[in-house]
Amino acid sequence: MRTVPKSRLLLLELVADLVIFALCAAVCVALLFRARSMSDESTRLTQAVYIAQDAAERLRAGEELYSGYTADGAPVTTVPAVGPGSLEPGASSAWLDYVVYYEAGAETVEISVVPMLEIGSGRAVYTLTVWKEAAP
């Protein structure tokens, strides 16, 4: 009867362990990238909520709305606020990251925050509907 040397079994066990470890590492890296993209998306949404709230507060206070904001949330005051469709699709600026659109209805105002890179798509990151209040 022929027996297999112990060194050959050890080598096979090591190769099997490395394959299993490589598969686990690949799954972990994929999960890490997924978590990173979810974090970036959450950051964009949070920033858009803050921008829309700022626009709503300025609207209720009777102040002029800012048309855009930088990535850190600072308002851009050099451009007047815009209505839907007034910016060219694909227009870009190094200092403008978010554009604020507003649409006034009879009783409400819709404030939409759109990333500068997605102006032509018509996809807002966040839309806030604000009820108009009677002037005191």
Protein backbone atom coordinates (compact mmCIF):
# COMPACT_ATOMS: atom_id res chain seq x y z
CA MET A 1 0.00 0.00 0.00
CA ARG A 2 1.28 3.36 -1.05
CA THR A 3 1.16 6.35 1.36
CA VAL A 4 1.23 10.06 0.56
CA PRO A 5 4.06 11.98 2.19
CA LYS A 6 2.99 14.42 4.91
CA SER A 7 4.75 17.34 3.22
CA ARG A 8 2.52 17.01 0.14
CA LEU A 9 -0.64 17.09 2.31
CA LEU A 10 0.65 20.16 4.10
CA LEU A 11 1.25 21.90 0.77
CA LEU A 12 -2.30 21.09 -0.41
CA GLU A 13 -3.76 22.42 2.84
CA LEU A 14 -1.79 25.66 2.46
CA VAL A 15 -2.97 26.14 -1.13
CA ALA A 16 -6.59 25.51 -0.09
CA ASP A 17 -6.22 28.01 2.77
CA LEU A 18 -4.80 30.64 0.41
CA VAL A 19 -7.68 30.18 -2.03
CA ILE A 20 -10.24 30.56 0.76
CA PHE A 21 -8.39 33.59 2.11
CA ALA A 22 -8.31 35.20 -1.37
CA LEU A 23 -12.07 34.68 -1.81
CA CYS A 24 -12.78 36.21 1.60
CA ALA A 25 -10.49 39.16 0.81
CA ALA A 26 -12.28 39.75 -2.51
CA VAL A 27 -15.67 39.79 -0.77
CA CYS A 28 -14.38 42.19 1.89
CA VAL A 29 -12.93 44.57 -0.71
CA ALA A 30 -16.24 44.57 -2.62
CA LEU A 31 -18.12 45.35 0.59
CA LEU A 32 -15.67 48.14 1.37
CA PHE A 33 -16.25 49.80 -2.00
CA ARG A 34 -20.02 49.44 -1.59
CA ALA A 35 -19.86 51.06 1.85
CA ARG A 36 -17.75 53.89 0.45
CA SER A 37 -20.25 54.62 -2.32
CA MET A 38 -23.13 54.53 0.18
CA SER A 39 -21.23 56.97 2.39
CA ASP A 40 -20.65 59.35 -0.52
CA GLU A 41 -24.33 59.18 -1.48
CA SER A 42 -25.36 59.87 2.11
CA THR A 43 -23.03 62.87 2.25
CA ARG A 44 -24.55 64.28 -0.96
CA LEU A 45 -28.07 63.82 0.37
CA THR A 46 -27.26 65.44 3.72
CA GLN A 47 -25.64 68.40 1.97
CA ALA A 48 -28.67 68.77 -0.32
CA VAL A 49 -31.04 68.76 2.68
CA TYR A 50 -29.04 71.54 4.35
CA ILE A 51 -29.04 73.58 1.15
CA ALA A 52 -32.80 73.16 0.65
CA GLN A 53 -33.47 74.13 4.28
CA ASP A 54 -31.32 77.23 3.87
CA ALA A 55 -33.23 78.19 0.73
CA ALA A 56 -36.58 77.64 2.51
CA GLU A 57 -35.50 79.80 5.45
CA ARG A 58 -34.35 82.56 3.09
CA LEU A 59 -37.65 82.33 1.20
CA ARG A 60 -39.71 82.64 4.39
CA ALA A 61 -37.58 85.56 5.55
CA GLY A 62 -38.23 87.35 2.26
CA GLU A 63 -34.58 87.34 1.24
CA GLU A 64 -33.19 86.57 -2.21
CA LEU A 65 -32.38 82.93 -2.79
CA TYR A 66 -28.87 81.84 -3.68
CA SER A 67 -28.63 80.04 -7.00
CA GLY A 68 -25.83 77.70 -6.11
CA TYR A 69 -23.62 76.28 -3.41
CA THR A 70 -20.13 74.86 -3.26
CA ALA A 71 -19.41 71.32 -2.07
CA ASP A 72 -18.83 72.51 1.51
CA GLY A 73 -22.24 74.23 1.62
CA ALA A 74 -21.06 77.82 1.16
CA PRO A 75 -23.52 79.85 -0.94
CA VAL A 76 -22.51 81.37 -4.25
CA THR A 77 -23.86 84.91 -4.38
CA THR A 78 -22.63 86.04 -7.80
CA VAL A 79 -25.40 84.40 -9.85
CA PRO A 80 -29.15 85.07 -9.38
CA ALA A 81 -31.42 82.15 -8.46
CA VAL A 82 -32.73 80.22 -11.44
CA GLY A 83 -35.96 78.61 -12.47
CA PRO A 84 -36.31 75.20 -14.11
CA GLY A 85 -34.59 74.83 -17.46
CA SER A 86 -32.73 78.14 -17.38
CA LEU A 87 -29.23 76.65 -17.26
CA GLU A 88 -27.71 74.90 -20.23
CA PRO A 89 -27.38 71.11 -19.97
CA GLY A 90 -23.77 70.20 -19.40
CA ALA A 91 -22.89 73.68 -18.15
CA SER A 92 -20.17 73.48 -15.57
CA SER A 93 -18.24 75.72 -13.29
CA ALA A 94 -15.26 75.05 -11.08
CA TRP A 95 -16.82 76.88 -8.13
CA LEU A 96 -20.45 75.75 -8.35
CA ASP A 97 -21.30 72.23 -7.12
CA TYR A 98 -25.06 72.41 -6.42
CA VAL A 99 -27.73 74.43 -8.20
CA VAL A 100 -30.99 75.46 -6.49
CA TYR A 101 -34.16 75.58 -8.58
CA TYR A 102 -37.43 76.84 -7.22
CA GLU A 103 -40.90 76.69 -8.64
CA ALA A 104 -43.65 78.74 -7.04
CA GLY A 105 -47.19 77.42 -7.16
CA ALA A 106 -50.41 78.88 -5.78
CA GLU A 107 -49.91 77.57 -2.24
CA THR A 108 -46.46 75.95 -2.22
CA VAL A 109 -42.92 76.49 -3.41
CA GLU A 110 -40.83 73.53 -4.56
CA ILE A 111 -37.12 73.87 -3.92
CA SER A 112 -34.95 71.37 -5.81
CA VAL A 113 -31.23 70.83 -5.28
CA VAL A 114 -29.42 69.45 -8.34
CA PRO A 115 -25.71 68.61 -8.57
CA MET A 116 -23.97 70.71 -11.22
CA LEU A 117 -22.87 67.59 -13.13
CA GLU A 118 -26.49 66.38 -13.45
CA ILE A 119 -28.21 69.57 -14.63
CA GLY A 120 -29.29 68.12 -17.98
CA SER A 121 -30.71 64.95 -16.42
CA GLY A 122 -33.45 66.72 -14.47
CA ARG A 123 -32.70 64.52 -11.46
CA ALA A 124 -32.72 66.41 -8.17
CA VAL A 125 -30.86 65.00 -5.20
CA TYR A 126 -33.47 66.46 -2.88
CA THR A 127 -36.73 68.36 -3.32
CA LEU A 128 -38.38 70.28 -0.50
CA THR A 129 -41.95 71.55 -0.71
CA VAL A 130 -42.63 74.61 1.43
CA TRP A 131 -46.10 76.01 2.14
CA LYS A 132 -46.46 79.72 1.50
CA GLU A 133 -47.41 81.61 4.61
CA ALA A 134 -49.62 84.64 4.69
CA ALA A 135 -47.60 87.81 5.02
CA PRO A 136 -47.98 89.42 8.44
